Amino acid sequence: MMAQADDDIRALLDQQAIDMAKGDAQAAIAAYADGPVLYDLPPPLQVTADAGGLQEWIDGWDKPPTITYRDLEVSVAGDLAVAWGFVHTAVRRDGEDGGFWSRNTWAFRRGADGWKITHNHNSVPFYMDDSQRAALDLEPGTGAAEIKGS
């Protein structure tokens, strides 16, 4: 039973990534439960599951972003689950390919319509120096913890 739940959760995340690659924000948002708690990369500190805003972001690229996962772990306890891992978002703007890694944690609840995301927290580290810029040039498993004072 636990193995099936693990597979179902991975399939939900994979389907959300497929929907993003298709440029279908409405379908990608369908992975969320009603009223999810979302801590995403752009301001404000907490965002809502807004298909229109997500579609606008998707449409701002030359082609829809491609999402892939690395080191994804899933832990299931009954009708609740948590997953964590790294997410790579590949993008293209003005003909130039780019992308970045983020750290993600998801919480899930299983209901009558299957597993849904109730919480998603995305984050990137930042350089703790005077620049305080996002560390978008890192890859999983690289870099040492570093704090520099002025």
Protein backbone atom coordinates (compact mmCIF):
# COMPACT_ATOMS: atom_id res chain seq x y z
CA MET A 1 0.00 0.00 0.00
CA MET A 2 2.81 2.44 0.89
CA ALA A 3 4.66 1.65 -2.34
CA GLN A 4 1.49 2.41 -4.34
CA ALA A 5 1.04 5.74 -2.51
CA ASP A 6 4.68 6.63 -3.21
CA ASP A 7 4.16 5.82 -6.90
CA ASP A 8 0.92 7.83 -7.00
CA ILE A 9 2.60 10.91 -5.48
CA ARG A 10 5.53 10.70 -7.88
CA ALA A 11 3.04 10.35 -10.75
CA LEU A 12 1.16 13.46 -9.55
CA LEU A 13 4.38 15.50 -9.55
CA ASP A 14 5.40 14.05 -12.93
CA GLN A 15 2.00 14.96 -14.39
CA GLN A 16 2.32 18.50 -13.04
CA ALA A 17 5.71 18.76 -14.77
CA ILE A 18 4.18 17.44 -18.02
CA ASP A 19 1.38 20.01 -17.77
CA MET A 20 3.94 22.79 -17.27
CA ALA A 21 5.92 21.62 -20.32
CA LYS A 22 2.69 21.71 -22.33
CA GLY A 23 2.16 25.29 -21.15
CA ASP A 24 -1.13 24.37 -19.44
CA ALA A 25 -1.27 26.26 -16.15
CA GLN A 26 -4.87 25.20 -15.42
CA ALA A 27 -3.90 21.53 -15.61
CA ALA A 28 -0.76 22.13 -13.50
CA ILE A 29 -2.85 23.84 -10.81
CA ALA A 30 -5.18 20.81 -10.70
CA ALA A 31 -2.52 18.98 -8.66
CA TYR A 32 -3.33 21.25 -5.69
CA ALA A 33 -5.99 20.71 -3.06
CA ASP A 34 -8.41 23.55 -2.39
CA GLY A 35 -6.68 26.38 -0.55
CA PRO A 36 -3.09 25.08 -0.59
CA VAL A 37 -0.36 26.87 1.34
CA LEU A 38 2.28 27.89 -1.20
CA TYR A 39 5.65 29.43 -0.37
CA ASP A 40 7.05 30.09 -3.83
CA LEU A 41 10.07 31.90 -5.22
CA PRO A 42 8.47 35.23 -6.22
CA PRO A 43 7.04 37.68 -3.67
CA PRO A 44 4.99 37.83 -1.54
CA LEU A 45 6.01 35.39 1.20
CA GLN A 46 2.91 33.26 0.56
CA VAL A 47 1.18 33.00 -2.81
CA THR A 48 -2.11 31.52 -4.01
CA ALA A 49 -2.71 28.82 -6.61
CA ASP A 50 -3.47 31.27 -9.41
CA ALA A 51 -3.77 29.64 -12.83
CA GLY A 52 -3.88 33.05 -14.57
CA GLY A 53 -0.68 34.25 -12.92
CA LEU A 54 1.05 30.95 -13.61
CA GLN A 55 -0.07 31.07 -17.25
CA GLU A 56 1.33 34.59 -17.57
CA TRP A 57 4.67 33.37 -16.18
CA ILE A 58 4.71 30.37 -18.55
CA ASP A 59 3.86 32.58 -21.52
CA GLY A 60 6.72 34.95 -20.65
CA TRP A 61 9.26 32.38 -21.92
CA ASP A 62 10.07 31.43 -25.52
CA LYS A 63 8.68 27.98 -24.73
CA PRO A 64 7.08 26.52 -21.59
CA PRO A 65 9.52 25.69 -18.77
CA THR A 66 10.62 22.08 -18.34
CA ILE A 67 10.61 20.72 -14.79
CA THR A 68 12.75 17.76 -13.68
CA TYR A 69 13.35 16.26 -10.24
CA ARG A 70 16.48 15.00 -8.52
CA ASP A 71 16.91 13.13 -5.24
CA LEU A 72 13.15 13.06 -4.68
CA GLU A 73 12.15 11.35 -1.43
CA VAL A 74 8.58 10.51 -0.43
CA SER A 75 7.33 9.50 3.03
CA VAL A 76 3.75 8.30 3.48
CA ALA A 77 1.73 7.86 6.68
CA GLY A 78 -1.86 6.88 6.00
CA ASP A 79 -3.61 9.64 4.05
CA LEU A 80 -0.80 12.17 4.60
CA ALA A 81 2.55 12.33 2.88
CA VAL A 82 5.55 14.58 2.52
CA ALA A 83 8.10 14.74 -0.29
CA TRP A 84 11.32 16.70 -0.70
CA GLY A 85 14.04 17.06 -3.26
CA PHE A 86 15.59 19.29 -5.87
CA VAL A 87 13.72 20.71 -8.84
CA HIS A 88 15.40 21.93 -12.00
CA THR A 89 13.49 24.48 -14.08
CA ALA A 90 14.84 24.77 -17.62
CA VAL A 91 13.81 27.92 -19.49
CA ARG A 92 14.48 29.76 -22.74
CA ARG A 93 14.25 33.51 -23.28
CA ASP A 94 15.32 35.45 -26.37
CA GLY A 95 16.69 32.21 -27.83
CA GLU A 96 19.00 31.62 -24.84
CA ASP A 97 18.63 28.48 -22.73
CA GLY A 98 18.90 28.83 -18.98
CA GLY A 99 17.56 27.38 -15.79
CA PHE A 100 17.99 27.02 -12.08
CA TRP A 101 17.74 24.52 -9.23
CA SER A 102 15.41 25.00 -6.29
CA ARG A 103 14.84 23.09 -3.08
CA ASN A 104 11.27 21.88 -2.68
CA THR A 105 9.13 20.33 0.02
CA TRP A 106 5.55 19.19 -0.57
CA ALA A 107 2.80 17.99 1.75
CA PHE A 108 -0.01 15.84 0.36
CA ARG A 109 -3.41 14.61 1.52
CA ARG A 110 -5.28 11.69 0.01
CA GLY A 111 -9.01 12.26 -0.45
CA ALA A 112 -11.84 10.95 -2.59
CA ASP A 113 -10.13 12.36 -5.71
CA GLY A 114 -6.71 10.89 -4.87
CA TRP A 115 -3.56 12.63 -3.71
CA LYS A 116 -3.44 16.43 -3.83
CA ILE A 117 -0.73 18.92 -2.84
CA THR A 118 -1.76 20.82 0.30
CA HIS A 119 1.55 22.64 0.80
CA ASN A 120 4.52 23.43 -1.44
CA HIS A 121 7.63 25.28 -0.33
CA ASN A 122 10.19 26.30 -2.98
CA SER A 123 13.41 28.00 -2.05
CA VAL A 124 16.84 28.89 -3.35
CA PRO A 125 19.86 29.71 -1.21
CA PHE A 126 21.26 33.22 -1.34
CA TYR A 127 24.78 34.54 -1.05
CA MET A 128 25.16 35.86 2.48
CA ASP A 129 27.43 38.71 1.49
CA ASP A 130 26.71 42.33 0.65
CA SER A 131 25.01 41.31 -2.62
CA GLN A 132 22.44 38.98 -0.99
CA ARG A 133 21.71 37.72 -4.51
CA ALA A 134 20.00 34.41 -5.16
CA ALA A 135 22.49 31.56 -5.67
CA LEU A 136 21.03 30.35 -8.96
CA ASP A 137 24.37 29.04 -10.18
CA LEU A 138 24.47 26.09 -7.75
CA GLU A 139 23.69 22.47 -8.51
CA PRO A 140 22.72 19.81 -5.97
CA GLY A 141 25.71 18.54 -4.04
CA THR A 142 27.96 21.52 -4.77
CA GLY A 143 29.19 24.39 -2.69
CA ALA A 144 30.08 24.73 0.96
CA ALA A 145 28.08 26.76 3.47
CA GLU A 146 29.48 30.25 3.42
CA ILE A 147 28.63 33.41 5.36
CA LYS A 148 30.68 36.54 4.76
CA GLY A 149 30.42 39.72 6.76
CA SER A 150 31.18 43.14 5.38
